[in-house]
Amino acid sequence: MYYILISGPAGSGKSTLVKSLGEWMEDHQMDVVRVNFDPAAEVLPYTPDVDVRRYVNARDLMIKHGLGPNGAMIASVDYLVNYVIDIRNEVEELRANYALVDLPGQLEVIAFRRLGPVIIKELVRGYKSAMVFLVDVRLAAEMSSALSITLLALSTLYRLELPLTLALNKIDLITADLSNPDELSATLKNNVNLMKLLEDTHSCVELALSTVFVDPEISENLCKIVKDAFSEVIPLSAKEGYGIDSLYAATQRVLAGGEDFLTEEPSGFY
């Protein structure tokens, strides 16, 4: 069994991707366990096979302890450390090819608090695992925000210590036609600076010179680091199902060393 953890900032489309990727895998004869790992989730576009809210519910903690939304979310993750083995056992009992884990929208409570990485490492212990880090295309439009979001992805990579695939979601918001690959590629390059940032042809010196509030040398060095850390970004529309096959191929390269379905384990075996 393989774990794929879907991460990214709030509103980037993680739950929609779990739905679309899960359906795509099942259409290709793979068994999937959908794991909701967000104690504060109100409405989900899929029916979770394993749901963390059975053990810890942020809204219940708000009522019980008089906490605000942020405090309840922090408390929820702290409580989760007591139940992560139970959740892991539930996943294992379903004996699927893949477990898709829908991480909380408040990324900081998993990635940047002390217990977050402990919980994730216990959940996936002993299994090949990878992350998908989702970026909203609108957040990646400006170069300053594109650089910032890639640094957040890099921070998440360091904290959770899992291989990470960068994916640009909601591309249907910037083009009405997803059927023409050449036109789509040109539209993304012209309108989304994240695509430019990761291109070999884009100059980090040019980025540094355009920086207003940051030392140009710092900007240039950060640009080089991001280019070294992320060789590609996968354009996606989780809502429309576009790019799911490319995302699967990218995660397969990490998990199983290839894109062939034959590299996967038969359902029911570990």
Protein backbone atom coordinates (compact mmCIF):
# COMPACT_ATOMS: atom_id res chain seq x y z
CA MET A 1 0.00 0.00 0.00
CA TYR A 2 1.11 3.55 -0.78
CA TYR A 3 0.19 6.75 1.04
CA ILE A 4 -0.39 9.98 -0.89
CA LEU A 5 -0.85 12.99 1.38
CA ILE A 6 -2.66 15.96 -0.16
CA SER A 7 -1.38 19.19 1.38
CA GLY A 8 -1.47 22.90 0.64
CA PRO A 9 -2.94 26.18 1.93
CA ALA A 10 -6.61 26.51 2.80
CA GLY A 11 -8.80 26.79 -0.27
CA SER A 12 -6.28 25.23 -2.66
CA GLY A 13 -8.65 22.37 -3.54
CA LYS A 14 -7.31 19.46 -1.51
CA SER A 15 -10.65 17.75 -0.87
CA THR A 16 -11.72 18.14 -4.49
CA LEU A 17 -8.44 16.55 -5.57
CA VAL A 18 -8.98 13.60 -3.21
CA LYS A 19 -12.35 13.07 -4.88
CA SER A 20 -11.03 13.37 -8.46
CA LEU A 21 -7.82 11.39 -7.93
CA GLY A 22 -9.68 8.65 -6.07
CA GLU A 23 -12.24 8.31 -8.85
CA TRP A 24 -9.50 8.27 -11.50
CA MET A 25 -7.62 5.50 -9.69
CA GLU A 26 -10.75 3.40 -9.30
CA ASP A 27 -11.49 3.84 -13.01
CA HIS A 28 -8.05 2.32 -13.61
CA GLN A 29 -8.72 -0.73 -11.42
CA MET A 30 -6.94 0.48 -8.29
CA ASP A 31 -8.43 0.27 -4.81
CA VAL A 32 -8.38 3.51 -2.83
CA VAL A 33 -8.94 4.46 0.81
CA ARG A 34 -10.01 8.07 1.25
CA VAL A 35 -8.87 9.43 4.60
CA ASN A 36 -10.25 12.70 5.94
CA PHE A 37 -7.53 13.94 8.29
CA ASP A 38 -9.14 17.33 8.94
CA PRO A 39 -10.94 17.49 12.34
CA ALA A 40 -12.56 20.78 11.33
CA ALA A 41 -14.00 19.69 7.98
CA GLU A 42 -17.66 20.67 7.65
CA VAL A 43 -18.60 19.43 4.17
CA LEU A 44 -16.58 17.08 1.95
CA PRO A 45 -17.09 16.36 -1.77
CA TYR A 46 -16.37 12.65 -1.16
CA THR A 47 -17.42 10.06 1.40
CA PRO A 48 -14.39 9.27 3.57
CA ASP A 49 -13.60 5.61 4.20
CA VAL A 50 -11.66 6.63 7.30
CA ASP A 51 -12.65 9.83 9.09
CA VAL A 52 -10.59 11.50 11.80
CA ARG A 53 -13.76 13.23 13.04
CA ARG A 54 -14.86 9.92 14.55
CA TYR A 55 -12.05 10.40 17.06
CA VAL A 56 -11.55 14.16 17.26
CA ASN A 57 -13.96 16.87 16.15
CA ALA A 58 -12.87 20.51 16.26
CA ARG A 59 -16.42 21.82 16.66
CA ASP A 60 -17.02 19.59 19.68
CA LEU A 61 -13.82 20.90 21.26
CA MET A 62 -14.94 24.48 20.64
CA ILE A 63 -18.16 23.83 22.55
CA LYS A 64 -16.63 21.71 25.30
CA HIS A 65 -13.66 23.96 26.09
CA GLY A 66 -14.91 27.37 24.91
CA LEU A 67 -12.25 27.62 22.21
CA GLY A 68 -12.19 29.70 19.08
CA PRO A 69 -11.74 28.06 15.65
CA ASN A 70 -7.95 28.35 15.67
CA GLY A 71 -7.60 27.13 19.24
CA ALA A 72 -9.91 24.20 18.57
CA MET A 73 -7.89 23.22 15.52
CA ILE A 74 -4.64 23.30 17.46
CA ALA A 75 -6.20 21.26 20.27
CA SER A 76 -7.58 18.76 17.74
CA VAL A 77 -4.16 17.99 16.32
CA ASP A 78 -2.75 17.62 19.83
CA TYR A 79 -5.53 15.14 20.64
CA LEU A 80 -4.87 13.22 17.42
CA VAL A 81 -1.61 11.85 18.73
CA ASN A 82 -3.71 9.57 20.95
CA TYR A 83 -5.64 8.11 18.02
CA VAL A 84 -3.24 7.97 15.09
CA ILE A 85 -2.60 4.24 15.56
CA ASP A 86 -6.35 3.55 15.54
CA ILE A 87 -6.69 5.54 12.31
CA ARG A 88 -3.74 3.70 10.80
CA ASN A 89 -5.30 0.36 11.74
CA GLU A 90 -8.54 1.36 10.04
CA VAL A 91 -6.65 2.16 6.86
CA GLU A 92 -4.75 -1.13 6.94
CA GLU A 93 -7.91 -3.17 7.46
CA LEU A 94 -9.29 -1.91 4.13
CA ARG A 95 -6.27 -3.41 2.30
CA ALA A 96 -6.24 -1.00 -0.64
CA ASN A 97 -3.57 -0.07 -3.18
CA TYR A 98 -3.54 3.56 -2.09
CA ALA A 99 -4.50 5.70 0.87
CA LEU A 100 -5.30 9.30 -0.10
CA VAL A 101 -4.98 11.52 2.97
CA ASP A 102 -6.81 14.85 2.95
CA LEU A 103 -4.75 17.03 5.30
CA PRO A 104 -6.20 20.01 7.23
CA GLY A 105 -6.67 23.32 5.47
CA GLN A 106 -4.70 24.99 8.25
CA LEU A 107 -1.42 23.59 7.02
CA GLU A 108 0.55 25.10 9.88
CA VAL A 109 -1.04 22.86 12.53
CA ILE A 110 0.27 19.75 10.77
CA ALA A 111 3.53 21.01 9.30
CA PHE A 112 4.75 23.56 11.81
CA ARG A 113 3.58 22.51 15.26
CA ARG A 114 5.64 20.03 17.25
CA LEU A 115 3.20 17.11 17.16
CA GLY A 116 2.19 17.45 13.51
CA PRO A 117 5.20 15.68 11.97
CA VAL A 118 5.09 13.06 14.76
CA ILE A 119 1.49 12.18 13.84
CA ILE A 120 2.19 12.03 10.10
CA LYS A 121 5.28 9.86 10.53
CA GLU A 122 3.35 7.41 12.70
CA LEU A 123 0.47 7.30 10.22
CA VAL A 124 2.66 6.34 7.25
CA ARG A 125 5.34 4.38 9.12
CA GLY A 126 6.58 1.40 7.12
CA TYR A 127 4.88 2.41 3.85
CA LYS A 128 6.14 4.25 0.80
CA SER A 129 4.64 7.72 1.01
CA ALA A 130 4.61 10.98 -0.88
CA MET A 131 2.99 14.40 -0.70
CA VAL A 132 1.20 16.52 -3.25
CA PHE A 133 1.41 20.23 -2.45
CA LEU A 134 -1.45 22.13 -4.09
CA VAL A 135 -1.16 25.77 -5.15
CA ASP A 136 -4.15 27.86 -6.22
CA VAL A 137 -3.34 29.27 -9.68
CA ARG A 138 -4.49 32.73 -8.55
CA LEU A 139 -1.96 32.72 -5.74
CA ALA A 140 0.80 31.80 -8.18
CA ALA A 141 0.13 34.62 -10.62
CA GLU A 142 2.44 37.28 -9.19
CA MET A 143 6.15 36.51 -8.92
CA SER A 144 6.34 37.58 -5.27
CA SER A 145 3.50 35.27 -4.26
CA ALA A 146 4.84 32.47 -6.48
CA LEU A 147 8.17 32.63 -4.71
CA SER A 148 6.47 32.78 -1.30
CA ILE A 149 4.26 29.74 -1.94
CA THR A 150 7.18 27.65 -3.18
CA LEU A 151 9.09 28.55 -0.02
CA LEU A 152 6.07 27.36 1.99
CA ALA A 153 6.14 24.10 0.04
CA LEU A 154 9.85 23.78 0.73
CA SER A 155 9.26 24.39 4.45
CA THR A 156 6.59 21.68 4.45
CA LEU A 157 9.01 19.31 2.73
CA TYR A 158 11.62 19.92 5.42
CA ARG A 159 9.16 19.53 8.28
CA LEU A 160 7.33 16.38 7.14
CA GLU A 161 10.34 14.80 5.41
CA LEU A 162 8.33 13.24 2.58
CA PRO A 163 8.99 13.59 -1.16
CA LEU A 164 6.81 16.36 -2.54
CA THR A 165 5.17 16.97 -5.92
CA LEU A 166 4.14 20.54 -6.65
CA ALA A 167 0.77 20.92 -8.40
CA LEU A 168 -0.90 24.05 -9.77
CA ASN A 169 -4.65 23.69 -9.25
CA LYS A 170 -7.73 25.52 -10.57
CA ILE A 171 -6.25 26.28 -13.98
CA ASP A 172 -9.80 26.22 -15.33
CA LEU A 173 -10.15 29.69 -13.76
CA ILE A 174 -7.69 31.25 -16.22
CA THR A 175 -8.72 29.47 -19.42
CA ALA A 176 -12.03 28.18 -20.66
CA ASP A 177 -10.41 25.66 -23.02
CA LEU A 178 -8.45 22.81 -21.45
CA SER A 179 -8.48 20.73 -24.64
CA ASN A 180 -5.66 22.52 -26.50
CA PRO A 181 -2.32 21.66 -24.82
CA ASP A 182 -0.25 24.24 -26.73
CA GLU A 183 -2.67 27.07 -26.06
CA LEU A 184 -2.98 26.06 -22.41
CA SER A 185 0.80 25.96 -21.98
CA ALA A 186 1.14 29.42 -23.50
CA THR A 187 -1.65 30.81 -21.31
CA LEU A 188 -0.04 29.44 -18.16
CA LYS A 189 3.40 30.78 -19.05
CA ASN A 190 2.01 34.22 -19.86
CA ASN A 191 -0.24 34.53 -16.81
CA VAL A 192 1.25 32.42 -14.02
CA ASN A 193 4.66 33.46 -12.76
CA LEU A 194 5.13 30.18 -10.89
CA MET A 195 5.53 28.50 -14.28
CA LYS A 196 8.18 31.04 -15.28
CA LEU A 197 9.97 30.75 -11.96
CA LEU A 198 10.64 27.04 -12.42
CA GLU A 199 11.69 27.27 -16.07
CA ASP A 200 15.39 26.79 -16.83
CA THR A 201 15.25 29.79 -19.14
CA HIS A 202 13.96 32.19 -16.48
CA SER A 203 16.69 34.35 -15.04
CA CYS A 204 17.02 34.59 -11.27
CA VAL A 205 18.99 37.78 -11.83
CA GLU A 206 15.96 39.29 -13.57
CA LEU A 207 13.81 38.35 -10.58
CA ALA A 208 16.33 39.86 -8.18
CA LEU A 209 16.42 43.16 -10.05
CA SER A 210 12.62 43.38 -9.99
CA THR A 211 12.45 42.93 -6.22
CA VAL A 212 11.47 46.09 -4.36
CA PHE A 213 11.61 45.36 -0.63
CA VAL A 214 14.11 42.49 -0.47
CA ASP A 215 17.86 42.55 -1.04
CA PRO A 216 18.43 41.49 -4.69
CA GLU A 217 21.09 38.97 -3.68
CA ILE A 218 18.65 37.28 -1.28
CA SER A 219 15.97 37.11 -3.99
CA GLU A 220 18.41 35.66 -6.50
CA ASN A 221 19.61 32.99 -4.07
CA LEU A 222 16.06 32.05 -3.07
CA CYS A 223 15.13 31.74 -6.73
CA LYS A 224 18.04 29.37 -7.34
CA ILE A 225 17.08 27.27 -4.31
CA VAL A 226 13.48 26.94 -5.50
CA LYS A 227 14.63 25.89 -9.00
CA ASP A 228 16.89 23.24 -7.48
CA ALA A 229 14.17 21.97 -5.14
CA PHE A 230 11.31 21.72 -7.64
CA SER A 231 12.03 20.54 -11.16
CA GLU A 232 8.40 20.68 -12.30
CA VAL A 233 4.90 21.76 -11.42
CA ILE A 234 1.86 19.77 -12.58
CA PRO A 235 -1.01 21.91 -14.00
CA LEU A 236 -4.34 20.65 -12.66
CA SER A 237 -8.03 21.24 -12.53
CA ALA A 238 -9.27 18.91 -9.84
CA LYS A 239 -12.78 20.17 -10.46
CA GLU A 240 -12.71 19.30 -14.18
CA GLY A 241 -10.47 16.24 -13.80
CA TYR A 242 -7.74 17.76 -15.97
CA GLY A 243 -4.12 16.69 -15.34
CA ILE A 244 -4.98 13.86 -12.94
CA ASP A 245 -3.13 11.34 -15.11
CA SER A 246 0.00 13.54 -15.08
CA LEU A 247 -0.20 13.92 -11.32
CA TYR A 248 -0.55 10.17 -10.91
CA ALA A 249 2.49 9.61 -13.13
CA ALA A 250 4.53 12.09 -11.08
CA THR A 251 3.63 10.41 -7.79
CA GLN A 252 4.34 6.99 -9.29
CA ARG A 253 7.85 8.12 -10.18
CA VAL A 254 8.33 8.87 -6.50
CA LEU A 255 6.53 5.87 -5.02
CA ALA A 256 7.27 3.02 -7.38
CA GLY A 257 9.98 4.26 -9.69
CA GLY A 258 7.81 4.33 -12.81
CA GLU A 259 4.48 5.10 -14.43
CA ASP A 260 3.39 1.55 -15.30
CA PHE A 261 0.38 0.15 -13.45
CA LEU A 262 2.30 -3.16 -13.17
CA THR A 263 4.61 -1.58 -10.62
CA GLU A 264 1.73 -1.38 -8.17
CA GLU A 265 0.89 -3.97 -5.58
CA PRO A 266 -2.23 -6.08 -6.17
CA SER A 267 -5.13 -5.12 -3.95
CA GLY A 268 -5.02 -6.89 -0.60
CA PHE A 269 -1.24 -7.36 -0.44
CA TYR A 270 1.44 -5.40 1.40
